[in-house]
């Protein structure tokens, strides 16, 4: 919620919440870019939405493809 308030204020948006579904997506995302990626996703969502509540559709999260698992070597 910190970034939501911070960027909402910077952008002049009256966004005051996030749906439980959007929060679930944020929690499930692997965040390979760490906090900077989270900041970017929140800011882009605020730029692109006119809604006061962020939804999963506004987040535009894409998960990276799964990494292949190396086969186990047996002695």
PDB file of N, CA and C in Angstrom:
ATOM      1  N   UNK A   1       0.818  -1.191   0.000  1.00  0.00           N
ATOM      2  CA  UNK A   1       0.000   0.000   0.000  1.00  0.00           C
ATOM      3  C   UNK A   1       0.868   1.264   0.000  1.00  0.00           C
ATOM      4  N   UNK A   2       2.102   1.146   0.474  1.00  0.00           N
ATOM      5  CA  UNK A   2       2.993   2.302   0.507  1.00  0.00           C
ATOM      6  C   UNK A   2       3.205   2.871  -0.895  1.00  0.00           C
ATOM      7  N   UNK A   3       3.547   1.998  -1.860  1.00  0.00           N
ATOM      8  CA  UNK A   3       3.800   2.469  -3.222  1.00  0.00           C
ATOM      9  C   UNK A   3       2.530   2.994  -3.863  1.00  0.00           C
ATOM     10  N   UNK A   4       1.407   2.418  -3.514  1.00  0.00           N
ATOM     11  CA  UNK A   4       0.124   2.870  -4.034  1.00  0.00           C
ATOM     12  C   UNK A   4      -0.125   4.326  -3.615  1.00  0.00           C
ATOM     13  N   UNK A   5       0.100   4.619  -2.347  1.00  0.00           N
ATOM     14  CA  UNK A   5      -0.072   5.993  -1.852  1.00  0.00           C
ATOM     15  C   UNK A   5       0.985   6.926  -2.437  1.00  0.00           C
ATOM     16  N   UNK A   6       2.231   6.468  -2.448  1.00  0.00           N
ATOM     17  CA  UNK A   6       3.331   7.308  -2.938  1.00  0.00           C
ATOM     18  C   UNK A   6       3.125   7.705  -4.394  1.00  0.00           C
ATOM     19  N   UNK A   7       2.919   6.712  -5.259  1.00  0.00           N
ATOM     20  CA  UNK A   7       2.781   7.010  -6.676  1.00  0.00           C
ATOM     21  C   UNK A   7       1.437   7.647  -6.996  1.00  0.00           C
ATOM     22  N   UNK A   8       0.409   7.302  -6.249  1.00  0.00           N
ATOM     23  CA  UNK A   8      -0.877   7.949  -6.434  1.00  0.00           C
ATOM     24  C   UNK A   8      -0.772   9.445  -6.197  1.00  0.00           C
ATOM     25  N   UNK A   9      -0.047   9.810  -5.155  1.00  0.00           N
ATOM     26  CA  UNK A   9       0.164  11.221  -4.841  1.00  0.00           C
ATOM     27  C   UNK A   9       1.000  11.902  -5.928  1.00  0.00           C
ATOM     28  N   UNK A  10       2.073  11.255  -6.338  1.00  0.00           N
ATOM     29  CA  UNK A  10       2.946  11.819  -7.379  1.00  0.00           C
ATOM     30  C   UNK A  10       2.201  12.038  -8.692  1.00  0.00           C
ATOM     31  N   UNK A  11       1.302  11.110  -9.011  1.00  0.00           N
ATOM     32  CA  UNK A  11       0.593  11.160 -10.284  1.00  0.00           C
ATOM     33  C   UNK A  11      -0.743  11.891 -10.205  1.00  0.00           C
ATOM     34  N   UNK A  12      -1.103  12.348  -9.017  1.00  0.00           N
ATOM     35  CA  UNK A  12      -2.369  13.046  -8.849  1.00  0.00           C
ATOM     36  C   UNK A  12      -3.574  12.125  -8.988  1.00  0.00           C
ATOM     37  N   UNK A  13      -3.398  10.859  -8.631  1.00  0.00           N
ATOM     38  CA  UNK A  13      -4.479   9.881  -8.726  1.00  0.00           C
ATOM     39  C   UNK A  13      -5.091   9.659  -7.353  1.00  0.00           C
ATOM     40  N   UNK A  14      -6.397   9.513  -7.324  1.00  0.00           N
ATOM     41  CA  UNK A  14      -7.100   9.226  -6.075  1.00  0.00           C
ATOM     42  C   UNK A  14      -7.332   7.728  -5.937  1.00  0.00           C
ATOM     43  N   UNK A  15      -6.265   6.969  -6.033  1.00  0.00           N
ATOM     44  CA  UNK A  15      -6.365   5.520  -5.890  1.00  0.00           C
ATOM     45  C   UNK A  15      -6.205   5.191  -4.420  1.00  0.00           C
ATOM     46  N   UNK A  16      -7.153   4.446  -3.889  1.00  0.00           N
ATOM     47  CA  UNK A  16      -7.120   4.203  -2.455  1.00  0.00           C
ATOM     48  C   UNK A  16      -7.172   2.739  -2.071  1.00  0.00           C
ATOM     49  N   UNK A  17      -7.077   1.840  -3.053  1.00  0.00           N
ATOM     50  CA  UNK A  17      -7.143   0.440  -2.676  1.00  0.00           C
ATOM     51  C   UNK A  17      -6.728  -0.501  -3.776  1.00  0.00           C
ATOM     52  N   UNK A  18      -6.748  -1.763  -3.420  1.00  0.00           N
ATOM     53  CA  UNK A  18      -6.389  -2.820  -4.346  1.00  0.00           C
ATOM     54  C   UNK A  18      -7.299  -4.009  -4.032  1.00  0.00           C
ATOM     55  N   UNK A  19      -7.809  -4.647  -5.056  1.00  0.00           N
ATOM     56  CA  UNK A  19      -8.713  -5.766  -4.821  1.00  0.00           C
ATOM     57  C   UNK A  19      -7.951  -6.942  -4.206  1.00  0.00           C
ATOM     58  N   UNK A  20      -8.647  -7.805  -3.479  1.00  0.00           N
ATOM     59  CA  UNK A  20      -7.985  -8.994  -2.925  1.00  0.00           C
ATOM     60  C   UNK A  20      -7.352  -9.859  -4.021  1.00  0.00           C
ATOM     61  N   UNK A  21      -7.999  -9.934  -5.178  1.00  0.00           N
ATOM     62  CA  UNK A  21      -7.462 -10.727  -6.282  1.00  0.00           C
ATOM     63  C   UNK A  21      -6.154 -10.134  -6.803  1.00  0.00           C
ATOM     64  N   UNK A  22      -6.094  -8.807  -6.898  1.00  0.00           N
ATOM     65  CA  UNK A  22      -4.860  -8.150  -7.347  1.00  0.00           C
ATOM     66  C   UNK A  22      -3.751  -8.353  -6.310  1.00  0.00           C
ATOM     67  N   UNK A  23      -4.104  -8.276  -5.039  1.00  0.00           N
ATOM     68  CA  UNK A  23      -3.109  -8.498  -3.987  1.00  0.00           C
ATOM     69  C   UNK A  23      -2.582  -9.927  -4.048  1.00  0.00           C
ATOM     70  N   UNK A  24      -3.461 -10.880  -4.315  1.00  0.00           N
ATOM     71  CA  UNK A  24      -3.034 -12.274  -4.461  1.00  0.00           C
ATOM     72  C   UNK A  24      -2.044 -12.424  -5.606  1.00  0.00           C
ATOM     73  N   UNK A  25      -2.319 -11.749  -6.727  1.00  0.00           N
ATOM     74  CA  UNK A  25      -1.393 -11.819  -7.859  1.00  0.00           C
ATOM     75  C   UNK A  25      -0.033 -11.228  -7.491  1.00  0.00           C
ATOM     76  N   UNK A  26      -0.051 -10.126  -6.769  1.00  0.00           N
ATOM     77  CA  UNK A  26       1.216  -9.526  -6.345  1.00  0.00           C
ATOM     78  C   UNK A  26       1.999 -10.482  -5.443  1.00  0.00           C
ATOM     79  N   UNK A  27       1.293 -11.176  -4.579  1.00  0.00           N
ATOM     80  CA  UNK A  27       1.958 -12.128  -3.667  1.00  0.00           C
ATOM     81  C   UNK A  27       2.510 -13.340  -4.406  1.00  0.00           C
ATOM     82  N   UNK A  28       1.809 -13.788  -5.442  1.00  0.00           N
ATOM     83  CA  UNK A  28       2.235 -14.980  -6.177  1.00  0.00           C
ATOM     84  C   UNK A  28       3.351 -14.709  -7.182  1.00  0.00           C
ATOM     85  N   UNK A  29       3.489 -13.486  -7.610  1.00  0.00           N
ATOM     86  CA  UNK A  29       4.487 -13.158  -8.634  1.00  0.00           C
ATOM     87  C   UNK A  29       5.891 -13.382  -8.081  1.00  0.00           C
ATOM     88  N   UNK A  30       6.808 -13.970  -8.877  1.00  0.00           N
ATOM     89  CA  UNK A  30       8.144 -14.282  -8.359  1.00  0.00           C
ATOM     90  C   UNK A  30       9.051 -13.063  -8.151  1.00  0.00           C
ATOM     91  N   UNK A  31       8.769 -11.931  -8.719  1.00  0.00           N
ATOM     92  CA  UNK A  31       9.542 -10.704  -8.571  1.00  0.00           C
ATOM     93  C   UNK A  31      11.033 -10.882  -8.827  1.00  0.00           C
ATOM     94  N   UNK A  32      11.387 -11.272 -10.053  1.00  0.00           N
ATOM     95  CA  UNK A  32      12.813 -11.408 -10.355  1.00  0.00           C
ATOM     96  C   UNK A  32      13.552 -10.077 -10.299  1.00  0.00           C
ATOM     97  N   UNK A  33      12.828  -8.962 -10.456  1.00  0.00           N
ATOM     98  CA  UNK A  33      13.459  -7.648 -10.382  1.00  0.00           C
ATOM     99  C   UNK A  33      13.386  -7.033  -9.001  1.00  0.00           C
ATOM    100  N   UNK A  34      12.850  -7.775  -8.048  1.00  0.00           N
ATOM    101  CA  UNK A  34      12.752  -7.368  -6.655  1.00  0.00           C
ATOM    102  C   UNK A  34      11.882  -6.124  -6.485  1.00  0.00           C
ATOM    103  N   UNK A  35      12.257  -5.240  -5.573  1.00  0.00           N
ATOM    104  CA  UNK A  35      11.420  -4.095  -5.213  1.00  0.00           C
ATOM    105  C   UNK A  35      11.257  -3.124  -6.376  1.00  0.00           C
ATOM    106  N   UNK A  36      12.282  -2.938  -7.172  1.00  0.00           N
ATOM    107  CA  UNK A  36      12.164  -2.008  -8.299  1.00  0.00           C
ATOM    108  C   UNK A  36      11.106  -2.470  -9.297  1.00  0.00           C
ATOM    109  N   UNK A  37      11.016  -3.766  -9.495  1.00  0.00           N
ATOM    110  CA  UNK A  37       9.985  -4.283 -10.390  1.00  0.00           C
ATOM    111  C   UNK A  37       8.595  -4.062  -9.803  1.00  0.00           C
ATOM    112  N   UNK A  38       8.444  -4.284  -8.509  1.00  0.00           N
ATOM    113  CA  UNK A  38       7.169  -4.035  -7.835  1.00  0.00           C
ATOM    114  C   UNK A  38       6.776  -2.570  -7.974  1.00  0.00           C
ATOM    115  N   UNK A  39       7.715  -1.668  -7.743  1.00  0.00           N
ATOM    116  CA  UNK A  39       7.440  -0.236  -7.891  1.00  0.00           C
ATOM    117  C   UNK A  39       6.964   0.076  -9.302  1.00  0.00           C
ATOM    118  N   UNK A  40       7.643  -0.475 -10.280  1.00  0.00           N
ATOM    119  CA  UNK A  40       7.300  -0.219 -11.674  1.00  0.00           C
ATOM    120  C   UNK A  40       5.898  -0.730 -12.014  1.00  0.00           C
ATOM    121  N   UNK A  41       5.562  -1.914 -11.547  1.00  0.00           N
ATOM    122  CA  UNK A  41       4.239  -2.486 -11.816  1.00  0.00           C
ATOM    123  C   UNK A  41       3.145  -1.620 -11.199  1.00  0.00           C
ATOM    124  N   UNK A  42       3.341  -1.194  -9.957  1.00  0.00           N
ATOM    125  CA  UNK A  42       2.334  -0.352  -9.283  1.00  0.00           C
ATOM    126  C   UNK A  42       2.188   0.980 -10.010  1.00  0.00           C
ATOM    127  N   UNK A  43       3.316   1.597 -10.349  1.00  0.00           N
ATOM    128  CA  UNK A  43       3.269   2.901 -11.012  1.00  0.00           C
ATOM    129  C   UNK A  43       2.585   2.804 -12.381  1.00  0.00           C
ATOM    130  N   UNK A  44       2.942   1.780 -13.159  1.00  0.00           N
ATOM    131  CA  UNK A  44       2.317   1.601 -14.472  1.00  0.00           C
ATOM    132  C   UNK A  44       0.817   1.341 -14.343  1.00  0.00           C
ATOM    133  N   UNK A  45       0.434   0.578 -13.338  1.00  0.00           N
ATOM    134  CA  UNK A  45      -0.987   0.317 -13.126  1.00  0.00           C
ATOM    135  C   UNK A  45      -1.734   1.614 -12.830  1.00  0.00           C
ATOM    136  N   UNK A  46      -1.129   2.460 -12.020  1.00  0.00           N
ATOM    137  CA  UNK A  46      -1.770   3.740 -11.698  1.00  0.00           C
ATOM    138  C   UNK A  46      -1.867   4.647 -12.914  1.00  0.00           C
ATOM    139  N   UNK A  47      -0.851   4.639 -13.753  1.00  0.00           N
ATOM    140  CA  UNK A  47      -0.863   5.464 -14.961  1.00  0.00           C
ATOM    141  C   UNK A  47      -1.982   5.010 -15.907  1.00  0.00           C
ATOM    142  N   UNK A  48      -2.171   3.698 -16.001  1.00  0.00           N
ATOM    143  CA  UNK A  48      -3.086   3.152 -16.997  1.00  0.00           C
ATOM    144  C   UNK A  48      -4.534   3.026 -16.548  1.00  0.00           C
ATOM    145  N   UNK A  49      -4.814   3.189 -15.263  1.00  0.00           N
ATOM    146  CA  UNK A  49      -6.190   2.979 -14.800  1.00  0.00           C
ATOM    147  C   UNK A  49      -6.875   4.290 -14.438  1.00  0.00           C
ATOM    148  N   UNK A  50      -8.177   4.272 -14.556  1.00  0.00           N
ATOM    149  CA  UNK A  50      -8.985   5.407 -14.103  1.00  0.00           C
ATOM    150  C   UNK A  50      -9.782   5.041 -12.865  1.00  0.00           C
ATOM    151  N   UNK A  51      -9.609   3.811 -12.413  1.00  0.00           N
ATOM    152  CA  UNK A  51     -10.350   3.310 -11.267  1.00  0.00           C
ATOM    153  C   UNK A  51      -9.647   3.679  -9.961  1.00  0.00           C
ATOM    154  N   UNK A  52     -10.391   3.935  -8.909  1.00  0.00           N
ATOM    155  CA  UNK A  52      -9.759   4.224  -7.614  1.00  0.00           C
ATOM    156  C   UNK A  52      -9.229   2.964  -6.919  1.00  0.00           C
ATOM    157  N   UNK A  53      -9.549   1.793  -7.486  1.00  0.00           N
ATOM    158  CA  UNK A  53      -9.088   0.534  -6.898  1.00  0.00           C
ATOM    159  C   UNK A  53      -8.365  -0.265  -7.982  1.00  0.00           C
ATOM    160  N   UNK A  54      -7.145  -0.699  -7.679  1.00  0.00           N
ATOM    161  CA  UNK A  54      -6.391  -1.482  -8.647  1.00  0.00           C
ATOM    162  C   UNK A  54      -6.938  -2.909  -8.715  1.00  0.00           C
ATOM    163  N   UNK A  55      -7.064  -3.403  -9.928  1.00  0.00           N
ATOM    164  CA  UNK A  55      -7.555  -4.752 -10.181  1.00  0.00           C
ATOM    165  C   UNK A  55      -6.433  -5.579 -10.804  1.00  0.00           C
ATOM    166  N   UNK A  56      -6.589  -6.897 -10.881  1.00  0.00           N
ATOM    167  CA  UNK A  56      -5.566  -7.719 -11.520  1.00  0.00           C
ATOM    168  C   UNK A  56      -5.301  -7.283 -12.972  1.00  0.00           C
ATOM    169  N   UNK A  57      -6.351  -6.866 -13.670  1.00  0.00           N
ATOM    170  CA  UNK A  57      -6.189  -6.434 -15.060  1.00  0.00           C
ATOM    171  C   UNK A  57      -5.292  -5.207 -15.170  1.00  0.00           C
ATOM    172  N   UNK A  58      -5.345  -4.336 -14.191  1.00  0.00           N
ATOM    173  CA  UNK A  58      -4.519  -3.123 -14.215  1.00  0.00           C
ATOM    174  C   UNK A  58      -3.049  -3.429 -13.980  1.00  0.00           C
ATOM    175  N   UNK A  59      -2.756  -4.532 -13.305  1.00  0.00           N
ATOM    176  CA  UNK A  59      -1.374  -4.845 -12.942  1.00  0.00           C
ATOM    177  C   UNK A  59      -0.527  -5.320 -14.111  1.00  0.00           C
ATOM    178  N   UNK A  60      -1.128  -5.946 -15.083  1.00  0.00           N
ATOM    179  CA  UNK A  60      -0.391  -6.436 -16.258  1.00  0.00           C
ATOM    180  C   UNK A  60       0.825  -7.269 -15.872  1.00  0.00           C
ATOM    181  N   UNK A  61       0.640  -8.172 -14.939  1.00  0.00           N
ATOM    182  CA  UNK A  61       1.745  -9.034 -14.523  1.00  0.00           C
ATOM    183  C   UNK A  61       1.910 -10.193 -15.500  1.00  0.00           C
ATOM    184  N   UNK A  62       3.133 -10.437 -15.839  1.00  0.00           N
ATOM    185  CA  UNK A  62       3.444 -11.621 -16.623  1.00  0.00           C
ATOM    186  C   UNK A  62       4.521 -12.380 -15.879  1.00  0.00           C
ATOM    187  N   UNK A  63       4.314 -13.638 -15.719  1.00  0.00           N
ATOM    188  CA  UNK A  63       5.300 -14.453 -15.028  1.00  0.00           C
ATOM    189  C   UNK A  63       6.340 -14.925 -16.020  1.00  0.00           C
ATOM    190  N   UNK A  64       7.591 -14.977 -15.592  1.00  0.00           N
ATOM    191  CA  UNK A  64       8.615 -15.505 -16.481  1.00  0.00           C
ATOM    192  C   UNK A  64       8.361 -16.980 -16.732  1.00  0.00           C
ATOM    193  N   UNK A  65       8.844 -17.490 -17.864  1.00  0.00           N
ATOM    194  CA  UNK A  65       8.631 -18.906 -18.121  1.00  0.00           C
ATOM    195  C   UNK A  65       9.325 -19.753 -17.057  1.00  0.00           C
ATOM    196  N   UNK A  66       8.776 -20.917 -16.749  1.00  0.00           N
ATOM    197  CA  UNK A  66       9.420 -21.750 -15.736  1.00  0.00           C
ATOM    198  C   UNK A  66      10.794 -22.199 -16.201  1.00  0.00           C
ATOM    199  N   UNK A  67      11.692 -22.284 -15.253  1.00  0.00           N
ATOM    200  CA  UNK A  67      13.037 -22.754 -15.584  1.00  0.00           C
ATOM    201  C   UNK A  67      13.019 -24.259 -15.745  1.00  0.00           C
ATOM    202  N   UNK A  68      13.759 -24.742 -16.755  1.00  0.00           N
ATOM    203  CA  UNK A  68      13.809 -26.195 -16.909  1.00  0.00           C
ATOM    204  C   UNK A  68      14.544 -26.827 -15.728  1.00  0.00           C
ATOM    205  N   UNK A  69      14.091 -27.974 -15.359  1.00  0.00           N
ATOM    206  CA  UNK A  69      14.721 -28.698 -14.265  1.00  0.00           C
ATOM    207  C   UNK A  69      15.747 -29.645 -14.857  1.00  0.00           C
ATOM    208  N   UNK A  70      16.960 -29.561 -14.362  1.00  0.00           N
ATOM    209  CA  UNK A  70      18.016 -30.442 -14.842  1.00  0.00           C
ATOM    210  C   UNK A  70      17.728 -31.875 -14.404  1.00  0.00           C
ATOM    211  N   UNK A  71      17.951 -32.826 -15.301  1.00  0.00           N
ATOM    212  CA  UNK A  71      17.728 -34.214 -14.896  1.00  0.00           C
ATOM    213  C   UNK A  71      18.701 -34.625 -13.795  1.00  0.00           C
ATOM    214  N   UNK A  72      18.224 -35.477 -12.934  1.00  0.00           N
ATOM    215  CA  UNK A  72      19.072 -35.955 -11.842  1.00  0.00           C
ATOM    216  C   UNK A  72      20.045 -36.992 -12.381  1.00  0.00           C
ATOM    217  N   UNK A  73      21.243 -36.893 -11.886  1.00  0.00           N
ATOM    218  CA  UNK A  73      22.260 -37.879 -12.273  1.00  0.00           C
ATOM    219  C   UNK A  73      22.295 -38.979 -11.236  1.00  0.00           C
ATOM    220  N   UNK A  74      22.270 -40.173 -11.711  1.00  0.00           N
ATOM    221  CA  UNK A  74      22.360 -41.323 -10.808  1.00  0.00           C
ATOM    222  C   UNK A  74      23.751 -41.934 -10.922  1.00  0.00           C
ATOM    223  N   UNK A  75      24.358 -42.218  -9.784  1.00  0.00           N
ATOM    224  CA  UNK A  75      25.718 -42.796  -9.838  1.00  0.00           C
ATOM    225  C   UNK A  75      25.742 -44.188 -10.409  1.00  0.00           C
TER     226      UNK A  75
END
